[in-house]
């Protein structure tokens, strides 16, 4: 929605109020975020993380060469994640330099 120059003040205010209402609805239904340790409890290895253990300490771009079971989520330091769990998703926690520090499912 774009407020246009020259439109009446009342119409512009109504559009702004509608936009704020819509944003409030999205925020109210939004996904909760938090630190990895709180949002993703330990999960069974349905994503093949154990088989990729040799990549720990390597750059995360090497995961592009792997035949992954499901999606890949790269988690950077201080990044918050959502608590939505996908059993076959591989999570790769990486350092500031992009080195894999931990691989786990969820």
PDB file of N, CA and C in Angstrom:
ATOM      1  N   UNK A   1       0.857  -1.152   0.000  1.00  0.00           N
ATOM      2  CA  UNK A   1       0.000   0.000   0.000  1.00  0.00           C
ATOM      3  C   UNK A   1       0.912   1.226   0.000  1.00  0.00           C
ATOM      4  N   UNK A   2       0.645   2.184  -0.864  1.00  0.00           N
ATOM      5  CA  UNK A   2       1.500   3.356  -0.982  1.00  0.00           C
ATOM      6  C   UNK A   2       0.661   4.602  -0.783  1.00  0.00           C
ATOM      7  N   UNK A   3       1.079   5.474   0.133  1.00  0.00           N
ATOM      8  CA  UNK A   3       0.387   6.741   0.320  1.00  0.00           C
ATOM      9  C   UNK A   3       0.835   7.678  -0.783  1.00  0.00           C
ATOM     10  N   UNK A   4      -0.111   8.304  -1.475  1.00  0.00           N
ATOM     11  CA  UNK A   4       0.234   9.170  -2.592  1.00  0.00           C
ATOM     12  C   UNK A   4       0.201  10.622  -2.161  1.00  0.00           C
ATOM     13  N   UNK A   5       1.109  11.402  -2.731  1.00  0.00           N
ATOM     14  CA  UNK A   5       1.150  12.837  -2.473  1.00  0.00           C
ATOM     15  C   UNK A   5      -0.135  13.474  -2.999  1.00  0.00           C
ATOM     16  N   UNK A   6      -0.641  14.445  -2.313  1.00  0.00           N
ATOM     17  CA  UNK A   6      -1.789  15.191  -2.795  1.00  0.00           C
ATOM     18  C   UNK A   6      -3.132  14.578  -2.419  1.00  0.00           C
ATOM     19  N   UNK A   7      -3.157  13.388  -1.855  1.00  0.00           N
ATOM     20  CA  UNK A   7      -4.447  12.811  -1.481  1.00  0.00           C
ATOM     21  C   UNK A   7      -4.930  13.520  -0.229  1.00  0.00           C
ATOM     22  N   UNK A   8      -6.178  13.446   0.022  1.00  0.00           N
ATOM     23  CA  UNK A   8      -6.746  14.109   1.182  1.00  0.00           C
ATOM     24  C   UNK A   8      -6.165  13.582   2.480  1.00  0.00           C
ATOM     25  N   UNK A   9      -6.062  14.434   3.456  1.00  0.00           N
ATOM     26  CA  UNK A   9      -5.501  14.065   4.752  1.00  0.00           C
ATOM     27  C   UNK A   9      -6.295  12.932   5.381  1.00  0.00           C
ATOM     28  N   UNK A  10      -7.601  12.982   5.252  1.00  0.00           N
ATOM     29  CA  UNK A  10      -8.453  11.951   5.844  1.00  0.00           C
ATOM     30  C   UNK A  10      -8.199  10.594   5.191  1.00  0.00           C
ATOM     31  N   UNK A  11      -8.093  10.576   3.863  1.00  0.00           N
ATOM     32  CA  UNK A  11      -7.845   9.320   3.155  1.00  0.00           C
ATOM     33  C   UNK A  11      -6.465   8.767   3.504  1.00  0.00           C
ATOM     34  N   UNK A  12      -5.470   9.643   3.589  1.00  0.00           N
ATOM     35  CA  UNK A  12      -4.116   9.212   3.952  1.00  0.00           C
ATOM     36  C   UNK A  12      -4.076   8.642   5.361  1.00  0.00           C
ATOM     37  N   UNK A  13      -4.776   9.288   6.283  1.00  0.00           N
ATOM     38  CA  UNK A  13      -4.820   8.808   7.659  1.00  0.00           C
ATOM     39  C   UNK A  13      -5.528   7.459   7.734  1.00  0.00           C
ATOM     40  N   UNK A  14      -6.580   7.285   6.941  1.00  0.00           N
ATOM     41  CA  UNK A  14      -7.305   6.013   6.936  1.00  0.00           C
ATOM     42  C   UNK A  14      -6.414   4.892   6.407  1.00  0.00           C
ATOM     43  N   UNK A  15      -5.652   5.177   5.351  1.00  0.00           N
ATOM     44  CA  UNK A  15      -4.745   4.161   4.816  1.00  0.00           C
ATOM     45  C   UNK A  15      -3.653   3.822   5.821  1.00  0.00           C
ATOM     46  N   UNK A  16      -3.115   4.839   6.493  1.00  0.00           N
ATOM     47  CA  UNK A  16      -2.070   4.603   7.494  1.00  0.00           C
ATOM     48  C   UNK A  16      -2.624   3.760   8.642  1.00  0.00           C
ATOM     49  N   UNK A  17      -3.846   4.041   9.082  1.00  0.00           N
ATOM     50  CA  UNK A  17      -4.459   3.271  10.167  1.00  0.00           C
ATOM     51  C   UNK A  17      -4.669   1.822   9.745  1.00  0.00           C
ATOM     52  N   UNK A  18      -5.105   1.612   8.500  1.00  0.00           N
ATOM     53  CA  UNK A  18      -5.297   0.251   8.000  1.00  0.00           C
ATOM     54  C   UNK A  18      -3.972  -0.498   7.957  1.00  0.00           C
ATOM     55  N   UNK A  19      -2.932   0.170   7.482  1.00  0.00           N
ATOM     56  CA  UNK A  19      -1.619  -0.453   7.411  1.00  0.00           C
ATOM     57  C   UNK A  19      -1.128  -0.846   8.803  1.00  0.00           C
ATOM     58  N   UNK A  20      -1.266   0.044   9.774  1.00  0.00           N
ATOM     59  CA  UNK A  20      -0.838  -0.270  11.140  1.00  0.00           C
ATOM     60  C   UNK A  20      -1.647  -1.419  11.728  1.00  0.00           C
ATOM     61  N   UNK A  21      -2.938  -1.473  11.421  1.00  0.00           N
ATOM     62  CA  UNK A  21      -3.777  -2.573  11.900  1.00  0.00           C
ATOM     63  C   UNK A  21      -3.316  -3.897  11.316  1.00  0.00           C
ATOM     64  N   UNK A  22      -3.033  -3.902  10.006  1.00  0.00           N
ATOM     65  CA  UNK A  22      -2.566  -5.125   9.363  1.00  0.00           C
ATOM     66  C   UNK A  22      -1.220  -5.563   9.928  1.00  0.00           C
ATOM     67  N   UNK A  23      -0.324  -4.619  10.153  1.00  0.00           N
ATOM     68  CA  UNK A  23       0.976  -4.960  10.732  1.00  0.00           C
ATOM     69  C   UNK A  23       0.818  -5.524  12.133  1.00  0.00           C
ATOM     70  N   UNK A  24      -0.118  -4.994  12.902  1.00  0.00           N
ATOM     71  CA  UNK A  24      -0.378  -5.502  14.242  1.00  0.00           C
ATOM     72  C   UNK A  24      -0.891  -6.929  14.213  1.00  0.00           C
ATOM     73  N   UNK A  25      -1.731  -7.246  13.233  1.00  0.00           N
ATOM     74  CA  UNK A  25      -2.241  -8.613  13.108  1.00  0.00           C
ATOM     75  C   UNK A  25      -1.118  -9.579  12.771  1.00  0.00           C
ATOM     76  N   UNK A  26      -0.241  -9.177  11.885  1.00  0.00           N
ATOM     77  CA  UNK A  26       0.876 -10.037  11.518  1.00  0.00           C
ATOM     78  C   UNK A  26       1.785 -10.235  12.715  1.00  0.00           C
ATOM     79  N   UNK A  27       2.077  -9.168  13.456  1.00  0.00           N
ATOM     80  CA  UNK A  27       2.953  -9.278  14.624  1.00  0.00           C
ATOM     81  C   UNK A  27       2.336 -10.170  15.692  1.00  0.00           C
ATOM     82  N   UNK A  28       1.034 -10.079  15.874  1.00  0.00           N
ATOM     83  CA  UNK A  28       0.370 -10.883  16.898  1.00  0.00           C
ATOM     84  C   UNK A  28       0.430 -12.373  16.560  1.00  0.00           C
ATOM     85  N   UNK A  29       0.378 -12.703  15.275  1.00  0.00           N
ATOM     86  CA  UNK A  29       0.420 -14.093  14.854  1.00  0.00           C
ATOM     87  C   UNK A  29       1.829 -14.540  14.526  1.00  0.00           C
ATOM     88  N   UNK A  30       2.806 -13.650  14.667  1.00  0.00           N
ATOM     89  CA  UNK A  30       4.178 -13.931  14.254  1.00  0.00           C
ATOM     90  C   UNK A  30       4.793 -15.108  14.981  1.00  0.00           C
ATOM     91  N   UNK A  31       5.856 -15.610  14.424  1.00  0.00           N
ATOM     92  CA  UNK A  31       6.572 -16.738  14.988  1.00  0.00           C
ATOM     93  C   UNK A  31       7.471 -16.267  16.113  1.00  0.00           C
ATOM     94  N   UNK A  32       7.480 -16.980  17.204  1.00  0.00           N
ATOM     95  CA  UNK A  32       8.334 -16.636  18.327  1.00  0.00           C
ATOM     96  C   UNK A  32       9.774 -16.991  17.987  1.00  0.00           C
ATOM     97  N   UNK A  33      10.696 -16.102  18.341  1.00  0.00           N
ATOM     98  CA  UNK A  33      12.115 -16.319  18.092  1.00  0.00           C
ATOM     99  C   UNK A  33      12.864 -16.416  19.407  1.00  0.00           C
ATOM    100  N   UNK A  34      14.036 -17.027  19.360  1.00  0.00           N
ATOM    101  CA  UNK A  34      14.866 -17.116  20.548  1.00  0.00           C
ATOM    102  C   UNK A  34      16.187 -17.767  20.216  1.00  0.00           C
ATOM    103  N   UNK A  35      17.038 -17.928  21.227  1.00  0.00           N
ATOM    104  CA  UNK A  35      18.327 -18.581  21.006  1.00  0.00           C
ATOM    105  C   UNK A  35      18.131 -20.051  20.624  1.00  0.00           C
ATOM    106  N   UNK A  36      19.063 -20.557  19.868  1.00  0.00           N
ATOM    107  CA  UNK A  36      18.976 -21.933  19.360  1.00  0.00           C
ATOM    108  C   UNK A  36      18.749 -22.921  20.488  1.00  0.00           C
ATOM    109  N   UNK A  37      19.481 -22.803  21.574  1.00  0.00           N
ATOM    110  CA  UNK A  37      19.388 -23.777  22.665  1.00  0.00           C
ATOM    111  C   UNK A  37      17.992 -23.835  23.280  1.00  0.00           C
ATOM    112  N   UNK A  38      17.262 -22.726  23.256  1.00  0.00           N
ATOM    113  CA  UNK A  38      15.921 -22.710  23.828  1.00  0.00           C
ATOM    114  C   UNK A  38      14.863 -23.104  22.803  1.00  0.00           C
ATOM    115  N   UNK A  39      15.060 -22.748  21.547  1.00  0.00           N
ATOM    116  CA  UNK A  39      14.033 -22.942  20.540  1.00  0.00           C
ATOM    117  C   UNK A  39      14.067 -24.333  19.898  1.00  0.00           C
ATOM    118  N   UNK A  40      15.232 -24.982  19.887  1.00  0.00           N
ATOM    119  CA  UNK A  40      15.326 -26.290  19.240  1.00  0.00           C
ATOM    120  C   UNK A  40      15.915 -27.303  20.214  1.00  0.00           C
ATOM    121  N   UNK A  41      15.070 -28.062  20.891  1.00  0.00           N
ATOM    122  CA  UNK A  41      15.573 -29.101  21.789  1.00  0.00           C
ATOM    123  C   UNK A  41      16.225 -30.220  20.962  1.00  0.00           C
ATOM    124  N   UNK A  42      17.022 -31.064  21.587  1.00  0.00           N
ATOM    125  CA  UNK A  42      17.661 -32.168  20.845  1.00  0.00           C
ATOM    126  C   UNK A  42      16.620 -33.003  20.093  1.00  0.00           C
ATOM    127  N   UNK A  43      16.964 -33.369  18.856  1.00  0.00           N
ATOM    128  CA  UNK A  43      16.067 -34.111  17.976  1.00  0.00           C
ATOM    129  C   UNK A  43      16.743 -35.395  17.502  1.00  0.00           C
ATOM    130  N   UNK A  44      15.947 -36.404  17.112  1.00  0.00           N
ATOM    131  CA  UNK A  44      16.521 -37.615  16.508  1.00  0.00           C
ATOM    132  C   UNK A  44      17.201 -37.252  15.183  1.00  0.00           C
ATOM    133  N   UNK A  45      18.119 -38.076  14.749  1.00  0.00           N
ATOM    134  CA  UNK A  45      18.872 -37.801  13.523  1.00  0.00           C
ATOM    135  C   UNK A  45      18.096 -38.253  12.283  1.00  0.00           C
ATOM    136  N   UNK A  46      17.064 -37.482  11.925  1.00  0.00           N
ATOM    137  CA  UNK A  46      16.288 -37.763  10.720  1.00  0.00           C
ATOM    138  C   UNK A  46      16.790 -36.949   9.533  1.00  0.00           C
ATOM    139  N   UNK A  47      17.848 -36.156   9.730  1.00  0.00           N
ATOM    140  CA  UNK A  47      18.348 -35.281   8.663  1.00  0.00           C
ATOM    141  C   UNK A  47      19.735 -35.686   8.169  1.00  0.00           C
ATOM    142  N   UNK A  48      20.335 -36.692   8.780  1.00  0.00           N
ATOM    143  CA  UNK A  48      21.661 -37.144   8.357  1.00  0.00           C
ATOM    144  C   UNK A  48      22.823 -36.351   8.923  1.00  0.00           C
ATOM    145  N   UNK A  49      22.609 -35.657  10.032  1.00  0.00           N
ATOM    146  CA  UNK A  49      23.659 -34.828  10.629  1.00  0.00           C
ATOM    147  C   UNK A  49      24.875 -35.650  11.043  1.00  0.00           C
ATOM    148  N   UNK A  50      24.658 -36.818  11.607  1.00  0.00           N
ATOM    149  CA  UNK A  50      25.779 -37.644  12.072  1.00  0.00           C
ATOM    150  C   UNK A  50      26.701 -38.029  10.922  1.00  0.00           C
ATOM    151  N   UNK A  51      26.140 -38.323   9.776  1.00  0.00           N
ATOM    152  CA  UNK A  51      26.946 -38.714   8.612  1.00  0.00           C
ATOM    153  C   UNK A  51      27.796 -37.565   8.088  1.00  0.00           C
ATOM    154  N   UNK A  52      27.441 -36.335   8.446  1.00  0.00           N
ATOM    155  CA  UNK A  52      28.172 -35.155   7.978  1.00  0.00           C
ATOM    156  C   UNK A  52      29.127 -34.602   9.041  1.00  0.00           C
ATOM    157  N   UNK A  53      29.314 -35.347  10.119  1.00  0.00           N
ATOM    158  CA  UNK A  53      30.142 -34.891  11.234  1.00  0.00           C
ATOM    159  C   UNK A  53      31.553 -34.494  10.856  1.00  0.00           C
ATOM    160  N   UNK A  54      32.105 -35.090   9.806  1.00  0.00           N
ATOM    161  CA  UNK A  54      33.467 -34.764   9.381  1.00  0.00           C
ATOM    162  C   UNK A  54      33.590 -33.331   8.863  1.00  0.00           C
ATOM    163  N   UNK A  55      32.458 -32.707   8.567  1.00  0.00           N
ATOM    164  CA  UNK A  55      32.493 -31.329   8.067  1.00  0.00           C
ATOM    165  C   UNK A  55      32.621 -30.293   9.186  1.00  0.00           C
ATOM    166  N   UNK A  56      32.489 -30.735  10.432  1.00  0.00           N
ATOM    167  CA  UNK A  56      32.617 -29.800  11.542  1.00  0.00           C
ATOM    168  C   UNK A  56      33.998 -29.145  11.496  1.00  0.00           C
ATOM    169  N   UNK A  57      34.023 -27.828  11.607  1.00  0.00           N
ATOM    170  CA  UNK A  57      35.270 -27.060  11.521  1.00  0.00           C
ATOM    171  C   UNK A  57      35.568 -26.571  10.117  1.00  0.00           C
ATOM    172  N   UNK A  58      34.840 -27.127   9.133  1.00  0.00           N
ATOM    173  CA  UNK A  58      35.012 -26.708   7.733  1.00  0.00           C
ATOM    174  C   UNK A  58      34.043 -25.569   7.408  1.00  0.00           C
ATOM    175  N   UNK A  59      34.249 -24.918   6.265  1.00  0.00           N
ATOM    176  CA  UNK A  59      33.344 -23.852   5.845  1.00  0.00           C
ATOM    177  C   UNK A  59      31.985 -24.437   5.456  1.00  0.00           C
ATOM    178  N   UNK A  60      30.925 -23.730   5.805  1.00  0.00           N
ATOM    179  CA  UNK A  60      29.575 -24.253   5.579  1.00  0.00           C
ATOM    180  C   UNK A  60      29.234 -24.384   4.095  1.00  0.00           C
ATOM    181  N   UNK A  61      29.943 -23.710   3.210  1.00  0.00           N
ATOM    182  CA  UNK A  61      29.629 -23.813   1.781  1.00  0.00           C
ATOM    183  C   UNK A  61      29.860 -25.228   1.259  1.00  0.00           C
ATOM    184  N   UNK A  62      30.653 -26.022   1.969  1.00  0.00           N
ATOM    185  CA  UNK A  62      30.866 -27.415   1.558  1.00  0.00           C
ATOM    186  C   UNK A  62      29.576 -28.228   1.634  1.00  0.00           C
ATOM    187  N   UNK A  63      28.608 -27.758   2.407  1.00  0.00           N
ATOM    188  CA  UNK A  63      27.326 -28.461   2.501  1.00  0.00           C
ATOM    189  C   UNK A  63      26.582 -28.443   1.168  1.00  0.00           C
ATOM    190  N   UNK A  64      26.906 -27.498   0.302  1.00  0.00           N
ATOM    191  CA  UNK A  64      26.264 -27.426  -1.016  1.00  0.00           C
ATOM    192  C   UNK A  64      26.627 -28.634  -1.880  1.00  0.00           C
ATOM    193  N   UNK A  65      27.757 -29.267  -1.586  1.00  0.00           N
ATOM    194  CA  UNK A  65      28.191 -30.443  -2.348  1.00  0.00           C
ATOM    195  C   UNK A  65      27.580 -31.740  -1.826  1.00  0.00           C
ATOM    196  N   UNK A  66      26.893 -31.675  -0.716  1.00  0.00           N
ATOM    197  CA  UNK A  66      26.319 -32.869  -0.092  1.00  0.00           C
ATOM    198  C   UNK A  66      24.895 -33.117  -0.579  1.00  0.00           C
ATOM    199  N   UNK A  67      24.513 -34.366  -0.631  1.00  0.00           N
ATOM    200  CA  UNK A  67      23.151 -34.755  -0.981  1.00  0.00           C
ATOM    201  C   UNK A  67      22.340 -34.774   0.320  1.00  0.00           C
ATOM    202  N   UNK A  68      21.736 -33.643   0.657  1.00  0.00           N
ATOM    203  CA  UNK A  68      21.008 -33.512   1.915  1.00  0.00           C
ATOM    204  C   UNK A  68      19.624 -34.144   1.809  1.00  0.00           C
ATOM    205  N   UNK A  69      19.140 -34.679   2.910  1.00  0.00           N
ATOM    206  CA  UNK A  69      17.824 -35.308   2.969  1.00  0.00           C
ATOM    207  C   UNK A  69      16.723 -34.265   2.825  1.00  0.00           C
ATOM    208  N   UNK A  70      16.898 -33.127   3.486  1.00  0.00           N
ATOM    209  CA  UNK A  70      15.884 -32.064   3.481  1.00  0.00           C
ATOM    210  C   UNK A  70      16.519 -30.703   3.305  1.00  0.00           C
ATOM    211  N   UNK A  71      15.871 -29.717   3.875  1.00  0.00           N
ATOM    212  CA  UNK A  71      16.332 -28.339   3.788  1.00  0.00           C
ATOM    213  C   UNK A  71      17.577 -28.126   4.641  1.00  0.00           C
ATOM    214  N   UNK A  72      18.259 -27.017   4.365  1.00  0.00           N
ATOM    215  CA  UNK A  72      19.417 -26.596   5.159  1.00  0.00           C
ATOM    216  C   UNK A  72      19.107 -25.233   5.745  1.00  0.00           C
ATOM    217  N   UNK A  73      19.373 -25.073   7.049  1.00  0.00           N
ATOM    218  CA  UNK A  73      19.264 -23.768   7.693  1.00  0.00           C
ATOM    219  C   UNK A  73      20.619 -23.463   8.305  1.00  0.00           C
ATOM    220  N   UNK A  74      21.238 -22.369   7.862  1.00  0.00           N
ATOM    221  CA  UNK A  74      22.516 -21.926   8.405  1.00  0.00           C
ATOM    222  C   UNK A  74      22.216 -20.911   9.504  1.00  0.00           C
ATOM    223  N   UNK A  75      22.782 -21.150  10.686  1.00  0.00           N
ATOM    224  CA  UNK A  75      22.511 -20.304  11.849  1.00  0.00           C
ATOM    225  C   UNK A  75      23.812 -19.618  12.253  1.00  0.00           C
ATOM    226  N   UNK A  76      23.824 -18.300  12.129  1.00  0.00           N
ATOM    227  CA  UNK A  76      24.996 -17.498  12.452  1.00  0.00           C
ATOM    228  C   UNK A  76      25.017 -17.147  13.935  1.00  0.00           C
ATOM    229  N   UNK A  77      26.197 -16.777  14.482  1.00  0.00           N
ATOM    230  CA  UNK A  77      26.280 -16.385  15.890  1.00  0.00           C
ATOM    231  C   UNK A  77      25.304 -15.244  16.212  1.00  0.00           C
ATOM    232  N   UNK A  78      24.699 -15.338  17.351  1.00  0.00           N
ATOM    233  CA  UNK A  78      23.748 -14.356  17.865  1.00  0.00           C
ATOM    234  C   UNK A  78      22.455 -14.266  17.049  1.00  0.00           C
ATOM    235  N   UNK A  79      22.273 -15.154  16.088  1.00  0.00           N
ATOM    236  CA  UNK A  79      21.032 -15.183  15.319  1.00  0.00           C
ATOM    237  C   UNK A  79      19.975 -15.934  16.105  1.00  0.00           C
ATOM    238  N   UNK A  80      18.789 -15.365  16.179  1.00  0.00           N
ATOM    239  CA  UNK A  80      17.682 -16.059  16.809  1.00  0.00           C
ATOM    240  C   UNK A  80      16.983 -16.902  15.744  1.00  0.00           C
ATOM    241  N   UNK A  81      16.414 -18.006  16.161  1.00  0.00           N
ATOM    242  CA  UNK A  81      15.701 -18.892  15.239  1.00  0.00           C
ATOM    243  C   UNK A  81      14.286 -19.105  15.737  1.00  0.00           C
ATOM    244  N   UNK A  82      13.445 -19.543  14.836  1.00  0.00           N
ATOM    245  CA  UNK A  82      12.074 -19.879  15.211  1.00  0.00           C
ATOM    246  C   UNK A  82      12.054 -21.303  15.756  1.00  0.00           C
ATOM    247  N   UNK A  83      11.017 -21.605  16.481  1.00  0.00           N
ATOM    248  CA  UNK A  83      10.898 -22.926  17.081  1.00  0.00           C
ATOM    249  C   UNK A  83      10.200 -23.935  16.194  1.00  0.00           C
ATOM    250  N   UNK A  84       9.970 -23.585  14.927  1.00  0.00           N
ATOM    251  CA  UNK A  84       9.324 -24.555  14.041  1.00  0.00           C
ATOM    252  C   UNK A  84      10.308 -25.675  13.743  1.00  0.00           C
ATOM    253  N   UNK A  85       9.879 -26.883  13.968  1.00  0.00           N
ATOM    254  CA  UNK A  85      10.752 -28.039  13.787  1.00  0.00           C
ATOM    255  C   UNK A  85      10.392 -28.781  12.514  1.00  0.00           C
ATOM    256  N   UNK A  86      11.408 -29.084  11.731  1.00  0.00           N
ATOM    257  CA  UNK A  86      11.275 -29.893  10.522  1.00  0.00           C
ATOM    258  C   UNK A  86      12.255 -31.039  10.696  1.00  0.00           C
ATOM    259  N   UNK A  87      11.745 -32.243  10.868  1.00  0.00           N
ATOM    260  CA  UNK A  87      12.583 -33.396  11.227  1.00  0.00           C
ATOM    261  C   UNK A  87      13.742 -33.620  10.264  1.00  0.00           C
ATOM    262  N   UNK A  88      13.516 -33.384   8.984  1.00  0.00           N
ATOM    263  CA  UNK A  88      14.561 -33.657   7.989  1.00  0.00           C
ATOM    264  C   UNK A  88      15.435 -32.446   7.676  1.00  0.00           C
ATOM    265  N   UNK A  89      15.197 -31.315   8.349  1.00  0.00           N
ATOM    266  CA  UNK A  89      16.003 -30.112   8.091  1.00  0.00           C
ATOM    267  C   UNK A  89      17.321 -30.193   8.860  1.00  0.00           C
ATOM    268  N   UNK A  90      18.409 -29.933   8.151  1.00  0.00           N
ATOM    269  CA  UNK A  90      19.730 -29.873   8.758  1.00  0.00           C
ATOM    270  C   UNK A  90      20.005 -28.445   9.179  1.00  0.00           C
ATOM    271  N   UNK A  91      20.335 -28.262  10.448  1.00  0.00           N
ATOM    272  CA  UNK A  91      20.737 -26.959  10.967  1.00  0.00           C
ATOM    273  C   UNK A  91      22.248 -26.955  11.086  1.00  0.00           C
ATOM    274  N   UNK A  92      22.868 -25.944  10.527  1.00  0.00           N
ATOM    275  CA  UNK A  92      24.321 -25.801  10.617  1.00  0.00           C
ATOM    276  C   UNK A  92      24.620 -24.519  11.376  1.00  0.00           C
ATOM    277  N   UNK A  93      25.053 -24.667  12.624  1.00  0.00           N
ATOM    278  CA  UNK A  93      25.499 -23.498  13.371  1.00  0.00           C
ATOM    279  C   UNK A  93      26.919 -23.204  12.913  1.00  0.00           C
ATOM    280  N   UNK A  94      27.171 -21.921  12.607  1.00  0.00           N
ATOM    281  CA  UNK A  94      28.484 -21.551  12.096  1.00  0.00           C
ATOM    282  C   UNK A  94      29.073 -20.427  12.931  1.00  0.00           C
ATOM    283  N   UNK A  95      30.399 -20.274  12.821  1.00  0.00           N
ATOM    284  CA  UNK A  95      31.109 -19.204  13.511  1.00  0.00           C
ATOM    285  C   UNK A  95      31.004 -17.923  12.678  1.00  0.00           C
ATOM    286  N   UNK A  96      31.535 -16.836  13.201  1.00  0.00           N
ATOM    287  CA  UNK A  96      31.546 -15.577  12.460  1.00  0.00           C
ATOM    288  C   UNK A  96      32.276 -15.698  11.128  1.00  0.00           C
ATOM    289  N   UNK A  97      33.187 -16.647  11.029  1.00  0.00           N
ATOM    290  CA  UNK A  97      33.946 -16.830   9.796  1.00  0.00           C
ATOM    291  C   UNK A  97      33.309 -17.861   8.863  1.00  0.00           C
ATOM    292  N   UNK A  98      32.149 -18.408   9.259  1.00  0.00           N
ATOM    293  CA  UNK A  98      31.439 -19.357   8.405  1.00  0.00           C
ATOM    294  C   UNK A  98      31.860 -20.803   8.571  1.00  0.00           C
ATOM    295  N   UNK A  99      32.615 -21.097   9.628  1.00  0.00           N
ATOM    296  CA  UNK A  99      33.018 -22.483   9.904  1.00  0.00           C
ATOM    297  C   UNK A  99      31.923 -23.183  10.700  1.00  0.00           C
ATOM    298  N   UNK A 100      31.659 -24.428  10.355  1.00  0.00           N
ATOM    299  CA  UNK A 100      30.615 -25.204  11.028  1.00  0.00           C
ATOM    300  C   UNK A 100      31.056 -25.542  12.446  1.00  0.00           C
ATOM    301  N   UNK A 101      30.225 -25.159  13.411  1.00  0.00           N
ATOM    302  CA  UNK A 101      30.515 -25.477  14.808  1.00  0.00           C
ATOM    303  C   UNK A 101      29.611 -26.599  15.321  1.00  0.00           C
ATOM    304  N   UNK A 102      28.469 -26.803  14.658  1.00  0.00           N
ATOM    305  CA  UNK A 102      27.532 -27.833  15.109  1.00  0.00           C
ATOM    306  C   UNK A 102      26.544 -28.144  13.992  1.00  0.00           C
ATOM    307  N   UNK A 103      26.259 -29.419  13.795  1.00  0.00           N
ATOM    308  CA  UNK A 103      25.238 -29.874  12.854  1.00  0.00           C
ATOM    309  C   UNK A 103      24.190 -30.650  13.626  1.00  0.00           C
ATOM    310  N   UNK A 104      22.919 -30.315  13.412  1.00  0.00           N
ATOM    311  CA  UNK A 104      21.856 -31.012  14.125  1.00  0.00           C
ATOM    312  C   UNK A 104      20.551 -30.892  13.356  1.00  0.00           C
ATOM    313  N   UNK A 105      19.617 -31.758  13.663  1.00  0.00           N
ATOM    314  CA  UNK A 105      18.330 -31.793  12.976  1.00  0.00           C
ATOM    315  C   UNK A 105      17.309 -30.911  13.695  1.00  0.00           C
ATOM    316  N   UNK A 106      16.298 -30.526  12.943  1.00  0.00           N
ATOM    317  CA  UNK A 106      15.193 -29.779  13.545  1.00  0.00           C
ATOM    318  C   UNK A 106      14.697 -28.704  12.746  1.00  0.00           C
TER     319      UNK A 106
END
